[in-house]
Amino acid sequence: AAQFNGAGIQTGTLDTMVETVCNSDVVFTCTSATEPILDRATLE
């Protein structure tokens, strides 16, 4: 976020992932996880 100083980017950890995703309109995922981190049971 600091590389884009002034863009007003918010940050957080993946602990708040589900809440943040469900409060978003568009989500991009590009983590190094080897298993899915979002699925139907989590979001529904």
All heavy atoms as atom14 arrays in JSON, in Angstrom:
{
  "sequence": "AAQFNGAGIQTGTLDTMVETVCNSDVVFTCTSATEPILDRATLE",
  "atom14_mask": [
    [1, 1, 1, 1, 1, 0, 0, 0, 0, 0, 0, 0, 0, 0],
    [1, 1, 1, 1, 1, 0, 0, 0, 0, 0, 0, 0, 0, 0],
    [1, 1, 1, 1, 1, 1, 1, 1, 1, 0, 0, 0, 0, 0],
    [1, 1, 1, 1, 1, 1, 1, 1, 1, 1, 1, 0, 0, 0],
    [1, 1, 1, 1, 1, 1, 1, 1, 0, 0, 0, 0, 0, 0],
    [1, 1, 1, 1, 0, 0, 0, 0, 0, 0, 0, 0, 0, 0],
    [1, 1, 1, 1, 1, 0, 0, 0, 0, 0, 0, 0, 0, 0],
    [1, 1, 1, 1, 0, 0, 0, 0, 0, 0, 0, 0, 0, 0],
    [1, 1, 1, 1, 1, 1, 1, 1, 0, 0, 0, 0, 0, 0],
    [1, 1, 1, 1, 1, 1, 1, 1, 1, 0, 0, 0, 0, 0],
    [1, 1, 1, 1, 1, 1, 1, 0, 0, 0, 0, 0, 0, 0],
    [1, 1, 1, 1, 0, 0, 0, 0, 0, 0, 0, 0, 0, 0],
    [1, 1, 1, 1, 1, 1, 1, 0, 0, 0, 0, 0, 0, 0],
    [1, 1, 1, 1, 1, 1, 1, 1, 0, 0, 0, 0, 0, 0],
    [1, 1, 1, 1, 1, 1, 1, 1, 0, 0, 0, 0, 0, 0],
    [1, 1, 1, 1, 1, 1, 1, 0, 0, 0, 0, 0, 0, 0],
    [1, 1, 1, 1, 1, 1, 1, 1, 0, 0, 0, 0, 0, 0],
    [1, 1, 1, 1, 1, 1, 1, 0, 0, 0, 0, 0, 0, 0],
    [1, 1, 1, 1, 1, 1, 1, 1, 1, 0, 0, 0, 0, 0],
    [1, 1, 1, 1, 1, 1, 1, 0, 0, 0, 0, 0, 0, 0],
    [1, 1, 1, 1, 1, 1, 1, 0, 0, 0, 0, 0, 0, 0],
    [1, 1, 1, 1, 1, 1, 0, 0, 0, 0, 0, 0, 0, 0],
    [1, 1, 1, 1, 1, 1, 1, 1, 0, 0, 0, 0, 0, 0],
    [1, 1, 1, 1, 1, 1, 0, 0, 0, 0, 0, 0, 0, 0],
    [1, 1, 1, 1, 1, 1, 1, 1, 0, 0, 0, 0, 0, 0],
    [1, 1, 1, 1, 1, 1, 1, 0, 0, 0, 0, 0, 0, 0],
    [1, 1, 1, 1, 1, 1, 1, 0, 0, 0, 0, 0, 0, 0],
    [1, 1, 1, 1, 1, 1, 1, 1, 1, 1, 1, 0, 0, 0],
    [1, 1, 1, 1, 1, 1, 1, 0, 0, 0, 0, 0, 0, 0],
    [1, 1, 1, 1, 1, 1, 0, 0, 0, 0, 0, 0, 0, 0],
    [1, 1, 1, 1, 1, 1, 1, 0, 0, 0, 0, 0, 0, 0],
    [1, 1, 1, 1, 1, 1, 0, 0, 0, 0, 0, 0, 0, 0],
    [1, 1, 1, 1, 1, 0, 0, 0, 0, 0, 0, 0, 0, 0],
    [1, 1, 1, 1, 1, 1, 1, 0, 0, 0, 0, 0, 0, 0],
    [1, 1, 1, 1, 1, 1, 1, 1, 1, 0, 0, 0, 0, 0],
    [1, 1, 1, 1, 1, 1, 1, 0, 0, 0, 0, 0, 0, 0],
    [1, 1, 1, 1, 1, 1, 1, 1, 0, 0, 0, 0, 0, 0],
    [1, 1, 1, 1, 1, 1, 1, 1, 0, 0, 0, 0, 0, 0],
    [1, 1, 1, 1, 1, 1, 1, 1, 0, 0, 0, 0, 0, 0],
    [1, 1, 1, 1, 1, 1, 1, 1, 1, 1, 1, 0, 0, 0],
    [1, 1, 1, 1, 1, 0, 0, 0, 0, 0, 0, 0, 0, 0],
    [1, 1, 1, 1, 1, 1, 1, 0, 0, 0, 0, 0, 0, 0],
    [1, 1, 1, 1, 1, 1, 1, 1, 0, 0, 0, 0, 0, 0],
    [1, 1, 1, 1, 1, 1, 1, 1, 1, 0, 0, 0, 0, 0]
  ],
  "atom14_positions": [
    [[0.83, -1.21, 0.0], [0.0, 0.0, 0.0], [0.86, 1.26, 0.0], [0.53, 2.26, -0.65], [-0.92, -0.01, 1.22], [0.0, 0.0, 0.0], [0.0, 0.0, 0.0], [0.0, 0.0, 0.0], [0.0, 0.0, 0.0], [0.0, 0.0, 0.0], [0.0, 0.0, 0.0], [0.0, 0.0, 0.0], [0.0, 0.0, 0.0], [0.0, 0.0, 0.0]],
    [[2.0, 1.19, 0.7], [2.89, 2.36, 0.8], [3.48, 2.74, -0.56], [3.85, 3.9, -0.78], [4.01, 2.08, 1.8], [0.0, 0.0, 0.0], [0.0, 0.0, 0.0], [0.0, 0.0, 0.0], [0.0, 0.0, 0.0], [0.0, 0.0, 0.0], [0.0, 0.0, 0.0], [0.0, 0.0, 0.0], [0.0, 0.0, 0.0], [0.0, 0.0, 0.0]],
    [[3.57, 1.78, -1.48], [4.1, 2.08, -2.81], [3.14, 2.95, -3.61], [3.53, 3.54, -4.62], [4.36, 0.77, -3.57], [5.46, -0.09, -2.96], [5.66, -1.38, -3.73], [5.57, -1.42, -4.96], [5.91, -2.46, -3.01], [0.0, 0.0, 0.0], [0.0, 0.0, 0.0], [0.0, 0.0, 0.0], [0.0, 0.0, 0.0], [0.0, 0.0, 0.0]],
    [[1.89, 3.02, -3.16], [0.88, 3.83, -3.84], [0.35, 4.88, -2.87], [-0.85, 5.05, -2.68], [-0.26, 2.94, -4.36], [0.21, 1.88, -5.33], [0.61, 0.63, -4.87], [0.28, 2.15, -6.69], [1.06, -0.34, -5.76], [0.73, 1.2, -7.58], [1.13, -0.05, -7.12], [0.0, 0.0, 0.0], [0.0, 0.0, 0.0], [0.0, 0.0, 0.0]],
    [[1.28, 5.55, -2.25], [0.96, 6.55, -1.23], [-0.02, 7.58, -1.79], [0.17, 8.13, -2.87], [2.25, 7.24, -0.76], [2.01, 8.14, 0.42], [1.11, 7.9, 1.23], [2.81, 9.2, 0.53], [0.0, 0.0, 0.0], [0.0, 0.0, 0.0], [0.0, 0.0, 0.0], [0.0, 0.0, 0.0], [0.0, 0.0, 0.0], [0.0, 0.0, 0.0]],
    [[-1.08, 7.83, -1.06], [-2.06, 8.8, -1.49], [-3.27, 8.19, -2.17], [-4.25, 8.88, -2.46], [0.0, 0.0, 0.0], [0.0, 0.0, 0.0], [0.0, 0.0, 0.0], [0.0, 0.0, 0.0], [0.0, 0.0, 0.0], [0.0, 0.0, 0.0], [0.0, 0.0, 0.0], [0.0, 0.0, 0.0], [0.0, 0.0, 0.0], [0.0, 0.0, 0.0]],
    [[-3.22, 6.85, -2.43], [-4.34, 6.19, -3.1], [-5.43, 5.77, -2.1], [-6.48, 5.27, -2.5], [-3.85, 4.97, -3.88], [0.0, 0.0, 0.0], [0.0, 0.0, 0.0], [0.0, 0.0, 0.0], [0.0, 0.0, 0.0], [0.0, 0.0, 0.0], [0.0, 0.0, 0.0], [0.0, 0.0, 0.0], [0.0, 0.0, 0.0], [0.0, 0.0, 0.0]],
    [[-5.14, 5.93, -0.8], [-6.14, 5.59, 0.22], [-6.42, 4.1, 0.34], [-7.53, 3.69, 0.67], [0.0, 0.0, 0.0], [0.0, 0.0, 0.0], [0.0, 0.0, 0.0], [0.0, 0.0, 0.0], [0.0, 0.0, 0.0], [0.0, 0.0, 0.0], [0.0, 0.0, 0.0], [0.0, 0.0, 0.0], [0.0, 0.0, 0.0], [0.0, 0.0, 0.0]],
    [[-5.4, 3.28, 0.08], [-5.57, 1.82, 0.15], [-5.66, 1.37, 1.6], [-4.83, 1.73, 2.44], [-4.4, 1.13, -0.57], [-4.41, 1.49, -2.06], [-4.48, -0.39, -0.39], [-3.19, 0.98, -2.82], [0.0, 0.0, 0.0], [0.0, 0.0, 0.0], [0.0, 0.0, 0.0], [0.0, 0.0, 0.0], [0.0, 0.0, 0.0], [0.0, 0.0, 0.0]],
    [[-6.68, 0.56, 1.89], [-6.83, -0.05, 3.22], [-6.1, -1.39, 3.24], [-5.96, -2.05, 2.21], [-8.32, -0.26, 3.53], [-9.16, 1.01, 3.5], [-8.74, 1.98, 4.59], [-8.64, 1.63, 5.76], [-8.49, 3.23, 4.19], [0.0, 0.0, 0.0], [0.0, 0.0, 0.0], [0.0, 0.0, 0.0], [0.0, 0.0, 0.0], [0.0, 0.0, 0.0]],
    [[-5.65, -1.8, 4.41], [-4.95, -3.09, 4.52], [-5.5, -3.89, 5.69], [-6.14, -3.35, 6.59], [-3.44, -2.89, 4.71], [-3.22, -2.13, 5.91], [-2.8, -2.16, 3.53], [0.0, 0.0, 0.0], [0.0, 0.0, 0.0], [0.0, 0.0, 0.0], [0.0, 0.0, 0.0], [0.0, 0.0, 0.0], [0.0, 0.0, 0.0], [0.0, 0.0, 0.0]],
    [[-5.21, -5.17, 5.65], [-5.63, -6.06, 6.74], [-5.03, -7.43, 6.53], [-4.28, -7.66, 5.57], [0.0, 0.0, 0.0], [0.0, 0.0, 0.0], [0.0, 0.0, 0.0], [0.0, 0.0, 0.0], [0.0, 0.0, 0.0], [0.0, 0.0, 0.0], [0.0, 0.0, 0.0], [0.0, 0.0, 0.0], [0.0, 0.0, 0.0], [0.0, 0.0, 0.0]],
    [[-5.36, -8.36, 7.41], [-4.86, -9.72, 7.28], [-5.98, -10.62, 6.77], [-7.16, -10.25, 6.77], [-4.36, -10.27, 8.63], [-5.48, -10.41, 9.52], [-3.32, -9.35, 9.25], [0.0, 0.0, 0.0], [0.0, 0.0, 0.0], [0.0, 0.0, 0.0], [0.0, 0.0, 0.0], [0.0, 0.0, 0.0], [0.0, 0.0, 0.0], [0.0, 0.0, 0.0]],
    [[-5.61, -11.82, 6.36], [-6.59, -12.77, 5.83], [-7.53, -13.29, 6.91], [-8.5, -13.99, 6.6], [-5.86, -13.93, 5.14], [-5.16, -13.57, 3.82], [-4.33, -14.75, 3.32], [-6.17, -13.14, 2.76], [0.0, 0.0, 0.0], [0.0, 0.0, 0.0], [0.0, 0.0, 0.0], [0.0, 0.0, 0.0], [0.0, 0.0, 0.0], [0.0, 0.0, 0.0]],
    [[-7.26, -12.95, 8.15], [-8.19, -13.32, 9.23], [-9.55, -12.67, 9.03], [-10.58, -13.18, 9.47], [-7.62, -12.9, 10.6], [-6.35, -13.66, 10.95], [-6.17, -14.77, 10.41], [-5.55, -13.15, 11.75], [0.0, 0.0, 0.0], [0.0, 0.0, 0.0], [0.0, 0.0, 0.0], [0.0, 0.0, 0.0], [0.0, 0.0, 0.0], [0.0, 0.0, 0.0]],
    [[-9.55, -11.51, 8.36], [-10.82, -10.8, 8.12], [-11.33, -11.01, 6.69], [-12.17, -10.27, 6.21], [-10.62, -9.29, 8.36], [-9.66, -8.78, 7.41], [-10.14, -9.01, 9.77], [0.0, 0.0, 0.0], [0.0, 0.0, 0.0], [0.0, 0.0, 0.0], [0.0, 0.0, 0.0], [0.0, 0.0, 0.0], [0.0, 0.0, 0.0], [0.0, 0.0, 0.0]],
    [[-10.79, -12.05, 6.03], [-11.06, -12.26, 4.62], [-12.55, -12.38, 4.3], [-13.07, -11.67, 3.42], [-10.35, -13.53, 4.14], [-10.66, -13.91, 2.69], [-9.88, -15.47, 2.24], [-10.79, -16.64, 3.3], [0.0, 0.0, 0.0], [0.0, 0.0, 0.0], [0.0, 0.0, 0.0], [0.0, 0.0, 0.0], [0.0, 0.0, 0.0], [0.0, 0.0, 0.0]],
    [[-13.26, -13.25, 4.99], [-14.66, -13.52, 4.64], [-15.51, -12.27, 4.8], [-16.3, -11.92, 3.91], [-15.21, -14.68, 5.5], [-16.69, -14.91, 5.17], [-14.42, -15.96, 5.24], [0.0, 0.0, 0.0], [0.0, 0.0, 0.0], [0.0, 0.0, 0.0], [0.0, 0.0, 0.0], [0.0, 0.0, 0.0], [0.0, 0.0, 0.0], [0.0, 0.0, 0.0]],
    [[-15.34, -11.58, 5.89], [-16.1, -10.35, 6.13], [-15.79, -9.3, 5.06], [-16.7, -8.66, 4.51], [-15.75, -9.79, 7.51], [-16.49, -8.49, 7.85], [-16.04, -7.91, 9.18], [-15.33, -8.61, 9.94], [-16.39, -6.75, 9.46], [0.0, 0.0, 0.0], [0.0, 0.0, 0.0], [0.0, 0.0, 0.0], [0.0, 0.0, 0.0], [0.0, 0.0, 0.0]],
    [[-14.5, -9.14, 4.74], [-14.1, -8.16, 3.73], [-14.65, -8.51, 2.36], [-15.16, -7.65, 1.64], [-12.56, -8.05, 3.67], [-12.07, -7.69, 4.97], [-12.13, -7.0, 2.65], [0.0, 0.0, 0.0], [0.0, 0.0, 0.0], [0.0, 0.0, 0.0], [0.0, 0.0, 0.0], [0.0, 0.0, 0.0], [0.0, 0.0, 0.0], [0.0, 0.0, 0.0]],
    [[-14.53, -9.78, 1.98], [-15.02, -10.24, 0.68], [-16.53, -9.99, 0.55], [-17.01, -9.5, -0.47], [-14.69, -11.72, 0.46], [-15.47, -12.29, -0.74], [-13.18, -11.9, 0.25], [0.0, 0.0, 0.0], [0.0, 0.0, 0.0], [0.0, 0.0, 0.0], [0.0, 0.0, 0.0], [0.0, 0.0, 0.0], [0.0, 0.0, 0.0], [0.0, 0.0, 0.0]],
    [[-17.26, -10.32, 1.59], [-18.71, -10.19, 1.53], [-19.16, -8.72, 1.54], [-20.3, -8.42, 1.18], [-19.35, -10.95, 2.68], [-19.22, -12.75, 2.5], [0.0, 0.0, 0.0], [0.0, 0.0, 0.0], [0.0, 0.0, 0.0], [0.0, 0.0, 0.0], [0.0, 0.0, 0.0], [0.0, 0.0, 0.0], [0.0, 0.0, 0.0], [0.0, 0.0, 0.0]],
    [[-18.27, -7.82, 1.92], [-18.57, -6.4, 1.87], [-17.99, -5.73, 0.61], [-17.98, -4.51, 0.51], [-18.03, -5.69, 3.12], [-18.85, -6.01, 4.35], [-20.07, -6.14, 4.27], [-18.18, -6.17, 5.49], [0.0, 0.0, 0.0], [0.0, 0.0, 0.0], [0.0, 0.0, 0.0], [0.0, 0.0, 0.0], [0.0, 0.0, 0.0], [0.0, 0.0, 0.0]],
    [[-17.5, -6.55, -0.31], [-16.89, -6.03, -1.54], [-17.8, -6.28, -2.74], [-18.68, -7.15, -2.7], [-15.53, -6.71, -1.78], [-14.65, -6.47, -0.71], [0.0, 0.0, 0.0], [0.0, 0.0, 0.0], [0.0, 0.0, 0.0], [0.0, 0.0, 0.0], [0.0, 0.0, 0.0], [0.0, 0.0, 0.0], [0.0, 0.0, 0.0], [0.0, 0.0, 0.0]],
    [[-17.56, -5.52, -3.79], [-18.26, -5.75, -5.06], [-17.41, -6.58, -6.01], [-17.91, -7.4, -6.77], [-18.58, -4.4, -5.73], [-19.41, -3.5, -4.83], [-20.52, -3.92, -4.44], [-18.93, -2.4, -4.5], [0.0, 0.0, 0.0], [0.0, 0.0, 0.0], [0.0, 0.0, 0.0], [0.0, 0.0, 0.0], [0.0, 0.0, 0.0], [0.0, 0.0, 0.0]],
    [[-16.09, -6.33, -5.97], [-15.15, -7.03, -6.85], [-13.97, -7.51, -6.01], [-13.42, -6.74, -5.2], [-14.64, -6.09, -7.96], [-13.57, -6.8, -8.8], [-15.78, -5.62, -8.85], [0.0, 0.0, 0.0], [0.0, 0.0, 0.0], [0.0, 0.0, 0.0], [0.0, 0.0, 0.0], [0.0, 0.0, 0.0], [0.0, 0.0, 0.0], [0.0, 0.0, 0.0]],
    [[-13.59, -8.79, -6.21], [-12.48, -9.36, -5.44], [-11.51, -10.03, -6.41], [-11.92, -10.8, -7.29], [-12.98, -10.39, -4.4], [-11.78, -11.06, -3.7], [-13.9, -9.72, -3.39], [0.0, 0.0, 0.0], [0.0, 0.0, 0.0], [0.0, 0.0, 0.0], [0.0, 0.0, 0.0], [0.0, 0.0, 0.0], [0.0, 0.0, 0.0], [0.0, 0.0, 0.0]],
    [[-10.23, -9.72, -6.23], [-9.16, -10.39, -6.98], [-8.4, -11.27, -6.0], [-8.04, -10.82, -4.91], [-8.19, -9.38, -7.59], [-8.81, -8.48, -8.63], [-9.37, -7.26, -8.24], [-8.82, -8.84, -9.96], [-9.93, -6.42, -9.19], [-9.39, -8.01, -10.92], [-9.95, -6.79, -10.54], [0.0, 0.0, 0.0], [0.0, 0.0, 0.0], [0.0, 0.0, 0.0]],
    [[-8.12, -12.51, -6.39], [-7.36, -13.4, -5.5], [-6.07, -13.82, -6.19], [-6.07, -14.26, -7.34], [-8.17, -14.66, -5.13], [-8.46, -15.41, -6.31], [-9.48, -14.28, -4.45], [0.0, 0.0, 0.0], [0.0, 0.0, 0.0], [0.0, 0.0, 0.0], [0.0, 0.0, 0.0], [0.0, 0.0, 0.0], [0.0, 0.0, 0.0], [0.0, 0.0, 0.0]],
    [[-4.97, -13.68, -5.47], [-3.65, -14.07, -6.02], [-2.71, -14.45, -4.89], [-1.58, -13.96, -4.8], [-3.06, -12.96, -6.88], [-3.07, -11.32, -6.11], [0.0, 0.0, 0.0], [0.0, 0.0, 0.0], [0.0, 0.0, 0.0], [0.0, 0.0, 0.0], [0.0, 0.0, 0.0], [0.0, 0.0, 0.0], [0.0, 0.0, 0.0], [0.0, 0.0, 0.0]],
    [[-3.18, -15.3, -3.99], [-2.33, -15.76, -2.89], [-1.59, -17.02, -3.32], [-1.89, -17.63, -4.34], [-3.16, -16.08, -1.62], [-3.79, -17.36, -1.77], [-4.2, -15.01, -1.35], [0.0, 0.0, 0.0], [0.0, 0.0, 0.0], [0.0, 0.0, 0.0], [0.0, 0.0, 0.0], [0.0, 0.0, 0.0], [0.0, 0.0, 0.0], [0.0, 0.0, 0.0]],
    [[-0.64, -17.44, -2.52], [0.14, -18.65, -2.82], [-0.45, -19.9, -2.18], [0.2, -20.94, -2.13], [1.59, -18.47, -2.34], [1.61, -18.2, -0.94], [0.0, 0.0, 0.0], [0.0, 0.0, 0.0], [0.0, 0.0, 0.0], [0.0, 0.0, 0.0], [0.0, 0.0, 0.0], [0.0, 0.0, 0.0], [0.0, 0.0, 0.0], [0.0, 0.0, 0.0]],
    [[-1.68, -19.8, -1.68], [-2.34, -20.97, -1.05], [-2.43, -22.12, -2.04], [-2.66, -21.92, -3.23], [-3.73, -20.58, -0.56], [0.0, 0.0, 0.0], [0.0, 0.0, 0.0], [0.0, 0.0, 0.0], [0.0, 0.0, 0.0], [0.0, 0.0, 0.0], [0.0, 0.0, 0.0], [0.0, 0.0, 0.0], [0.0, 0.0, 0.0], [0.0, 0.0, 0.0]],
    [[-2.25, -23.33, -1.55], [-2.29, -24.5, -2.44], [-3.67, -25.13, -2.49], [-3.91, -26.06, -3.27], [-1.27, -25.55, -1.97], [-1.53, -25.89, -0.6], [0.15, -25.01, -2.08], [0.0, 0.0, 0.0], [0.0, 0.0, 0.0], [0.0, 0.0, 0.0], [0.0, 0.0, 0.0], [0.0, 0.0, 0.0], [0.0, 0.0, 0.0], [0.0, 0.0, 0.0]],
    [[-4.59, -24.64, -1.66], [-5.98, -25.11, -1.66], [-6.9, -23.89, -1.75], [-6.5, -22.78, -1.35], [-6.3, -25.91, -0.38], [-5.47, -27.17, -0.19], [-5.85, -28.27, -1.16], [-6.98, -28.22, -1.69], [-5.01, -29.16, -1.39], [0.0, 0.0, 0.0], [0.0, 0.0, 0.0], [0.0, 0.0, 0.0], [0.0, 0.0, 0.0], [0.0, 0.0, 0.0]],
    [[-8.14, -24.05, -2.25], [-9.06, -22.9, -2.32], [-9.28, -22.28, -0.94], [-9.44, -22.98, 0.07], [-10.35, -23.54, -2.85], [-9.9, -24.74, -3.61], [-8.72, -25.27, -2.86], [0.0, 0.0, 0.0], [0.0, 0.0, 0.0], [0.0, 0.0, 0.0], [0.0, 0.0, 0.0], [0.0, 0.0, 0.0], [0.0, 0.0, 0.0], [0.0, 0.0, 0.0]],
    [[-9.29, -20.94, -0.91], [-9.55, -20.24, 0.35], [-10.95, -19.66, 0.38], [-11.42, -19.2, 1.42], [-8.5, -19.13, 0.59], [-8.49, -18.11, -0.56], [-7.11, -19.72, 0.79], [-7.56, -16.93, -0.35], [0.0, 0.0, 0.0], [0.0, 0.0, 0.0], [0.0, 0.0, 0.0], [0.0, 0.0, 0.0], [0.0, 0.0, 0.0], [0.0, 0.0, 0.0]],
    [[-11.64, -19.68, -0.77], [-13.04, -19.24, -0.84], [-13.86, -20.33, -1.52], [-13.47, -20.85, -2.56], [-13.16, -17.94, -1.65], [-12.58, -16.67, -1.04], [-12.67, -15.51, -2.04], [-13.29, -16.3, 0.25], [0.0, 0.0, 0.0], [0.0, 0.0, 0.0], [0.0, 0.0, 0.0], [0.0, 0.0, 0.0], [0.0, 0.0, 0.0], [0.0, 0.0, 0.0]],
    [[-14.99, -20.67, -0.9], [-15.88, -21.66, -1.51], [-17.33, -21.31, -1.16], [-17.61, -20.34, -0.46], [-15.54, -23.09, -1.06], [-15.57, -23.26, 0.45], [-16.21, -22.43, 1.14], [-14.96, -24.22, 0.96], [0.0, 0.0, 0.0], [0.0, 0.0, 0.0], [0.0, 0.0, 0.0], [0.0, 0.0, 0.0], [0.0, 0.0, 0.0], [0.0, 0.0, 0.0]],
    [[-18.25, -22.11, -1.65], [-19.68, -21.83, -1.45], [-20.04, -21.81, 0.03], [-20.75, -20.91, 0.51], [-20.51, -22.87, -2.18], [-22.0, -22.72, -1.91], [-22.85, -23.66, -2.72], [-24.27, -23.47, -2.37], [-25.27, -23.92, -3.09], [-25.04, -24.61, -4.21], [-26.52, -23.69, -2.72], [0.0, 0.0, 0.0], [0.0, 0.0, 0.0], [0.0, 0.0, 0.0]],
    [[-19.54, -22.8, 0.77], [-19.91, -22.92, 2.18], [-19.46, -21.69, 2.97], [-20.12, -21.29, 3.94], [-19.3, -24.19, 2.77], [0.0, 0.0, 0.0], [0.0, 0.0, 0.0], [0.0, 0.0, 0.0], [0.0, 0.0, 0.0], [0.0, 0.0, 0.0], [0.0, 0.0, 0.0], [0.0, 0.0, 0.0], [0.0, 0.0, 0.0], [0.0, 0.0, 0.0]],
    [[-18.35, -21.09, 2.58], [-17.83, -19.91, 3.28], [-18.66, -18.67, 2.99], [-18.96, -17.87, 3.89], [-16.36, -19.66, 2.86], [-15.6, -20.84, 3.11], [-15.76, -18.51, 3.64], [0.0, 0.0, 0.0], [0.0, 0.0, 0.0], [0.0, 0.0, 0.0], [0.0, 0.0, 0.0], [0.0, 0.0, 0.0], [0.0, 0.0, 0.0], [0.0, 0.0, 0.0]],
    [[-19.02, -18.51, 1.71], [-19.67, -17.27, 1.29], [-21.18, -17.25, 1.48], [-21.77, -16.21, 1.8], [-19.35, -17.01, -0.19], [-17.88, -16.76, -0.55], [-17.73, -16.59, -2.05], [-17.36, -15.52, 0.18], [0.0, 0.0, 0.0], [0.0, 0.0, 0.0], [0.0, 0.0, 0.0], [0.0, 0.0, 0.0], [0.0, 0.0, 0.0], [0.0, 0.0, 0.0]],
    [[-21.83, -18.38, 1.28], [-23.29, -18.41, 1.23], [-23.96, -17.82, 2.47], [-24.9, -17.01, 2.33], [-23.78, -19.85, 0.99], [-25.27, -19.93, 0.7], [-25.66, -21.32, 0.23], [-24.95, -22.3, 0.58], [-26.66, -21.43, -0.49], [0.0, 0.0, 0.0], [0.0, 0.0, 0.0], [0.0, 0.0, 0.0], [0.0, 0.0, 0.0], [0.0, 0.0, 0.0]]
  ]
}
